[in-house]
Protein backbone atom coordinates (compact mmCIF):
# COMPACT_ATOMS: atom_id res chain seq x y z
CA MET A 1 -0.05 -0.16 -0.15
CA ARG A 2 1.59 3.33 -0.85
CA ASN A 3 1.92 6.03 1.70
CA LEU A 4 -0.74 8.53 2.04
CA ALA A 5 -0.60 11.82 3.59
CA LEU A 6 -3.87 13.89 4.82
CA HIS A 7 -4.15 17.35 4.03
CA GLN A 8 -5.35 19.58 6.61
CA ILE A 9 -8.23 20.89 4.77
CA THR A 10 -9.95 17.44 4.38
CA MET A 11 -10.47 17.07 8.36
CA MET A 12 -10.55 20.68 9.74
CA LYS A 13 -11.48 19.83 13.40
CA ASP A 14 -9.21 21.23 15.73
CA GLY A 15 -6.50 22.53 13.65
CA PRO A 16 -3.22 21.12 13.31
CA ALA A 17 -2.68 18.92 16.50
CA GLY A 18 -6.14 17.45 15.57
CA LEU A 19 -5.13 16.55 12.21
CA VAL A 20 -1.93 14.88 13.70
CA ARG A 21 -3.93 12.93 16.26
CA PHE A 22 -6.93 11.83 14.07
CA ALA A 23 -4.08 10.93 10.86
CA ALA A 24 -2.11 8.82 13.30
CA LYS A 25 -5.55 7.43 14.86
CA ALA A 26 -6.59 6.54 10.89
CA GLY A 27 -3.42 5.11 10.27
CA LEU A 28 -1.35 7.31 8.18
CA ARG A 29 1.88 8.34 8.56
CA SER A 30 1.78 11.91 6.92
CA ILE A 31 0.00 15.05 7.07
CA CYS A 32 0.41 18.42 4.86
CA LEU A 33 -0.69 21.54 7.07
CA PHE A 34 0.00 25.36 7.08
CA THR A 35 3.15 27.18 8.33
CA GLN A 36 1.28 30.22 6.55
CA SER A 37 -2.44 30.61 5.54
CA PRO A 38 -3.89 32.68 2.46
CA THR A 39 -5.81 35.46 4.35
CA ALA A 40 -9.60 36.38 3.90
CA ALA A 41 -10.69 39.81 3.06
CA ASP A 42 -10.32 40.88 7.11
CA GLY A 43 -6.58 40.01 7.22
CA SER A 44 -7.60 36.99 9.38
CA ASN A 45 -5.80 33.86 8.30
CA MET A 46 -8.14 31.36 6.25
CA PHE A 47 -7.10 27.95 7.77
CA PRO A 48 -5.23 27.72 11.23
CA VAL A 49 -1.60 27.64 10.88
CA VAL A 50 1.12 25.99 13.49
CA GLU A 51 2.58 29.10 15.52
CA ALA A 52 6.09 29.35 15.84
CA LYS A 53 5.67 29.68 19.73
CA ASP A 54 4.36 26.04 19.36
CA LYS A 55 7.12 24.50 18.00
CA ALA A 56 8.60 22.63 20.52
CA ALA A 57 5.13 21.08 21.38
CA PHE A 58 4.16 20.24 18.07
CA ARG A 59 7.49 18.42 17.20
CA ALA A 60 6.94 16.29 20.01
CA LEU A 61 3.19 16.00 19.31
CA LEU A 62 4.35 14.18 15.21
CA ALA A 63 7.19 12.18 17.20
CA ASP A 64 4.35 10.99 19.62
CA HIS A 65 2.28 9.80 16.92
CA ASP A 66 5.04 9.00 14.38
CA VAL A 67 3.09 10.98 11.79
CA THR A 68 5.52 13.07 9.63
CA VAL A 69 4.97 16.66 7.64
CA LEU A 70 4.85 15.62 3.92
CA ASN A 71 3.90 19.54 2.74
CA ALA A 72 3.88 22.82 4.23
CA GLU A 73 1.69 25.83 2.99
CA TYR A 74 0.98 28.67 1.98
CA PHE A 75 3.65 30.31 -0.14
CA PRO A 76 1.90 31.80 -3.29
CA ILE A 77 4.43 33.99 -6.02
CA MET A 78 2.35 36.74 -5.80
CA ALA A 79 3.06 40.43 -7.75
CA ASP A 80 2.79 42.70 -4.70
CA ALA A 81 4.84 40.79 -1.90
CA ASP A 82 8.49 39.60 -2.02
CA VAL A 83 9.20 35.77 -0.61
CA SER A 84 11.33 36.99 1.60
CA SER A 85 8.39 37.64 3.75
CA TYR A 86 8.09 33.76 3.98
CA LEU A 87 11.28 32.77 5.72
CA PRO A 88 10.06 32.51 9.06
CA ALA A 89 7.14 30.27 8.13
CA ILE A 90 9.78 28.27 5.55
CA GLY A 91 11.83 28.13 8.68
CA LEU A 92 9.11 26.79 10.82
CA ALA A 93 8.43 24.37 8.32
CA GLY A 94 11.93 23.28 7.99
CA GLU A 95 11.90 22.66 11.77
CA LEU A 96 9.10 20.64 11.63
CA GLY A 97 10.68 18.10 9.53
CA ALA A 98 8.43 18.99 6.21
CA LYS A 99 9.64 17.55 3.11
CA ARG A 100 8.47 20.26 0.94
CA ILE A 101 6.62 23.85 0.51
CA VAL A 102 4.11 24.66 -2.24
CA THR A 103 3.66 27.33 -3.99
CA HIS A 104 1.34 28.86 -6.53
CA VAL A 105 2.49 31.58 -9.30
CA GLN A 106 -0.42 34.36 -9.05
CA ASP A 107 1.60 36.84 -10.64
CA SER A 108 1.19 36.97 -14.16
CA ASP A 109 4.30 39.07 -15.04
CA PRO A 110 6.76 36.39 -16.20
CA ILE A 111 9.95 37.67 -15.49
CA ARG A 112 8.87 38.67 -11.94
CA ALA A 113 7.58 35.44 -11.26
CA GLU A 114 10.64 33.41 -12.41
CA ASP A 115 12.80 35.66 -10.30
CA GLN A 116 10.65 35.18 -7.58
CA LEU A 117 10.26 31.54 -7.79
CA ALA A 118 13.68 31.02 -8.04
CA SER A 119 14.39 32.71 -5.25
CA LEU A 120 11.93 30.97 -3.07
CA CYS A 121 13.21 27.46 -4.44
CA ARG A 122 16.74 28.90 -2.80
CA LEU A 123 15.39 30.05 0.35
CA ALA A 124 13.39 26.62 0.40
CA ALA A 125 16.90 24.72 -0.40
CA ASP A 126 18.51 26.52 2.62
CA HIS A 127 16.16 25.11 4.94
CA GLY A 128 16.66 21.37 3.30
CA LEU A 129 12.93 21.60 1.43
CA ASP A 130 11.88 21.08 -2.05
CA VAL A 131 8.97 22.92 -3.64
CA GLY A 132 5.91 21.67 -4.77
CA LEU A 133 4.75 23.98 -8.17
CA GLU A 134 0.71 23.53 -8.22
CA PHE A 135 -0.91 24.57 -11.16
CA THR A 136 -4.43 25.97 -10.97
CA GLY A 137 -6.81 27.66 -12.67
CA PHE A 138 -7.03 30.54 -11.18
CA ALA A 139 -3.26 31.18 -10.51
CA LYS A 140 -2.49 33.45 -14.03
CA GLY A 141 1.10 32.91 -13.88
CA CYS A 142 1.19 28.66 -13.71
CA ASN A 143 -2.39 27.83 -14.89
CA ASN A 144 -2.08 24.42 -16.43
CA ILE A 145 0.34 21.63 -16.66
CA ASP A 146 1.93 23.01 -19.58
CA LYS A 147 3.26 26.34 -18.11
CA ALA A 148 4.32 24.18 -14.79
CA VAL A 149 6.86 22.22 -16.66
CA TRP A 150 7.67 24.83 -18.97
CA LEU A 151 8.99 26.91 -15.62
CA VAL A 152 10.20 23.63 -14.12
CA GLY A 153 12.86 23.53 -17.43
CA LYS A 154 13.24 26.75 -17.67
CA LEU A 155 14.09 27.55 -13.95
CA GLN A 156 16.53 24.31 -13.38
CA GLN A 157 16.10 24.35 -9.55
CA PRO A 158 17.20 20.92 -7.97
CA ASN A 159 14.73 21.35 -5.39
CA LEU A 160 11.48 22.23 -7.62
CA ASN A 161 8.98 19.74 -8.97
CA ILE A 162 5.56 19.56 -9.91
CA ALA A 163 2.28 19.07 -7.45
CA VAL A 164 -0.44 17.57 -10.15
CA ASP A 165 -4.07 18.00 -8.43
CA ALA A 166 -6.27 15.96 -10.27
CA LEU A 167 -9.06 18.54 -9.79
CA HIS A 168 -6.60 21.42 -11.58
CA LEU A 169 -5.70 18.83 -13.97
CA PHE A 170 -8.52 18.22 -15.42
CA ARG A 171 -10.28 21.94 -14.78
CA THR A 172 -7.59 23.47 -16.94
CA GLY A 173 -7.52 21.32 -19.78
CA GLY A 174 -5.03 18.46 -18.55
CA SER A 175 -5.56 14.88 -19.42
CA LEU A 176 -3.88 11.28 -19.17
CA GLN A 177 -2.68 11.71 -22.32
CA LYS A 178 -0.56 14.65 -21.16
CA LEU A 179 0.17 13.43 -18.06
CA ALA A 180 1.63 10.48 -19.37
CA ALA A 181 3.92 12.21 -21.94
CA ILE A 182 5.65 14.54 -18.82
CA ASP A 183 8.83 13.16 -17.52
CA PRO A 184 8.06 11.41 -14.50
CA ALA A 185 11.19 12.55 -12.52
CA LEU A 186 9.59 16.31 -13.21
CA ILE A 187 6.26 15.30 -10.77
CA GLY A 188 6.77 15.33 -6.96
CA TYR A 189 3.55 14.57 -5.77
CA ALA A 190 0.03 14.40 -6.69
CA GLN A 191 -3.39 15.10 -4.86
CA ILE A 192 -6.30 13.00 -4.97
CA CYS A 193 -9.94 13.75 -5.46
CA ASP A 194 -12.97 13.82 -7.67
CA GLY A 195 -15.08 15.83 -9.55
CA PRO A 196 -18.47 15.83 -11.35
CA ASP A 197 -17.44 16.12 -14.80
CA PHE A 198 -14.24 17.29 -17.18
CA ARG A 199 -15.82 20.80 -17.87
CA ILE A 200 -12.40 23.39 -18.52
CA SER A 201 -12.99 26.48 -16.05
CA ASP A 202 -10.81 29.29 -14.63
CA ASP A 203 -13.47 29.99 -12.04
CA TYR A 204 -13.78 26.91 -9.91
CA VAL A 205 -12.70 27.93 -6.35
CA GLU A 206 -16.27 26.97 -4.81
CA GLU A 207 -15.73 23.35 -6.33
CA ALA A 208 -11.91 23.28 -5.44
CA MET A 209 -13.06 23.85 -1.59
CA ASN A 210 -16.27 20.95 -1.87
CA ARG A 211 -14.78 18.24 -3.62
CA MET A 212 -15.89 14.67 -3.97
CA ILE A 213 -15.08 11.47 -2.20
CA PRO A 214 -12.43 9.44 -4.57
CA GLY A 215 -15.16 7.23 -6.84
CA ALA A 216 -17.98 9.61 -6.18
CA GLY A 217 -17.28 11.24 -9.86
CA VAL A 218 -15.72 10.70 -12.83
CA PHE A 219 -12.08 11.45 -12.75
CA PRO A 220 -10.01 8.61 -13.77
CA LEU A 221 -8.40 8.18 -10.74
CA ARG A 222 -6.96 4.65 -11.00
CA GLU A 223 -5.62 5.41 -14.34
CA PHE A 224 -4.12 8.88 -12.87
CA LEU A 225 -2.22 7.02 -9.85
CA ALA A 226 -1.01 4.21 -12.49
CA LEU A 227 0.72 7.41 -14.53
CA LEU A 228 2.70 8.38 -11.32
CA SER A 229 6.13 6.90 -10.41
CA ALA A 230 6.33 5.05 -7.18
CA GLU A 231 8.56 8.14 -5.77
CA VAL A 232 5.88 10.37 -6.23
CA ASP A 233 4.14 11.41 -2.69
CA LEU A 234 0.15 11.39 -2.59
CA ASP A 235 -2.04 13.69 -0.66
CA ILE A 236 -5.63 13.04 -0.06
CA GLU A 237 -7.21 16.79 -0.35
CA VAL A 238 -10.94 16.19 -0.56
CA PRO A 239 -12.16 19.49 1.50
CA GLN A 240 -15.72 20.08 2.23
CA PHE A 241 -17.08 23.60 3.87
CA SER A 242 -20.39 23.75 2.90
CA GLY A 243 -21.77 20.46 4.83
CA GLY A 244 -23.80 22.17 7.25
CA ALA A 245 -24.52 21.80 11.13
CA ALA A 246 -24.85 18.25 10.58
CA PHE A 247 -21.50 17.57 8.62
CA ASP A 248 -19.29 15.22 10.53
CA PRO A 249 -15.61 16.24 9.85
CA GLU A 250 -13.80 13.19 11.02
CA GLN A 251 -16.46 10.61 9.47
CA TRP A 252 -15.94 12.69 5.75
CA ALA A 253 -12.24 12.15 6.12
CA LEU A 254 -12.52 8.69 7.02
CA ASP A 255 -14.54 8.06 3.48
CA ALA A 256 -12.14 9.83 1.74
CA ILE A 257 -9.05 8.26 3.16
CA ALA A 258 -10.92 4.74 2.97
CA ALA A 259 -11.90 5.71 -0.80
CA SER A 260 -8.14 6.66 -1.59
CA ARG A 261 -6.85 3.42 -0.02
CA SER A 262 -9.19 1.60 -2.39
CA LEU A 263 -8.15 2.86 -5.30
CA PHE A 264 -4.92 0.73 -5.05
CA GLU A 265 -6.66 -2.40 -4.45
């Protein structure tokens, strides 16, 4: 059975500490969490983060539950921000033992974006971290798999690789054929979820935050996973933020884990 990580937005109950405990109870060895969060309109964090002041306690919690951090978020390339501002959160990710940090290229100025992405890679390397470049339909500087491949090839940063999220792949015109044509070594990790159709869109944020359990939609997930090398890390990212008062986040996450495991049977 492949090692699967659970993304924090799949199980938000009790924050990052709750995620560690839940993952261990569910038999998972890895998680994906936030050391820096995207911000809401009022400037507050959209998602709970691991605070620097809690570093020692959180490291102990990880060790006690035999859980590791696969990915740390959120480190986008933005037109109005310098990646050096991320240094405290990058350093914290490294101290928590994360394998990589995740970025999206929001900046549509290619020269500036390439410069900032290269700088982010160097900062990450200083802390022993890889950088996962995730393409999405709403990240204008890298909004499909072709652009991601081009950027990785252009920058030639040894710790930079591509993240392939099933939803983003199929919403941005990607296909199994395109995925199969890519050098497998360029892909660092993949995210598992399902969707109801194969429409192409650059406006699907609502769907991205309310995904389908693997097997409940139409994405060819078994074939998708079969195209990835055994070294590719796998992340269960199946958020559901519109479940209502009766929504049980732990049961939802357990269903997502069971469905993801079944893809390998």
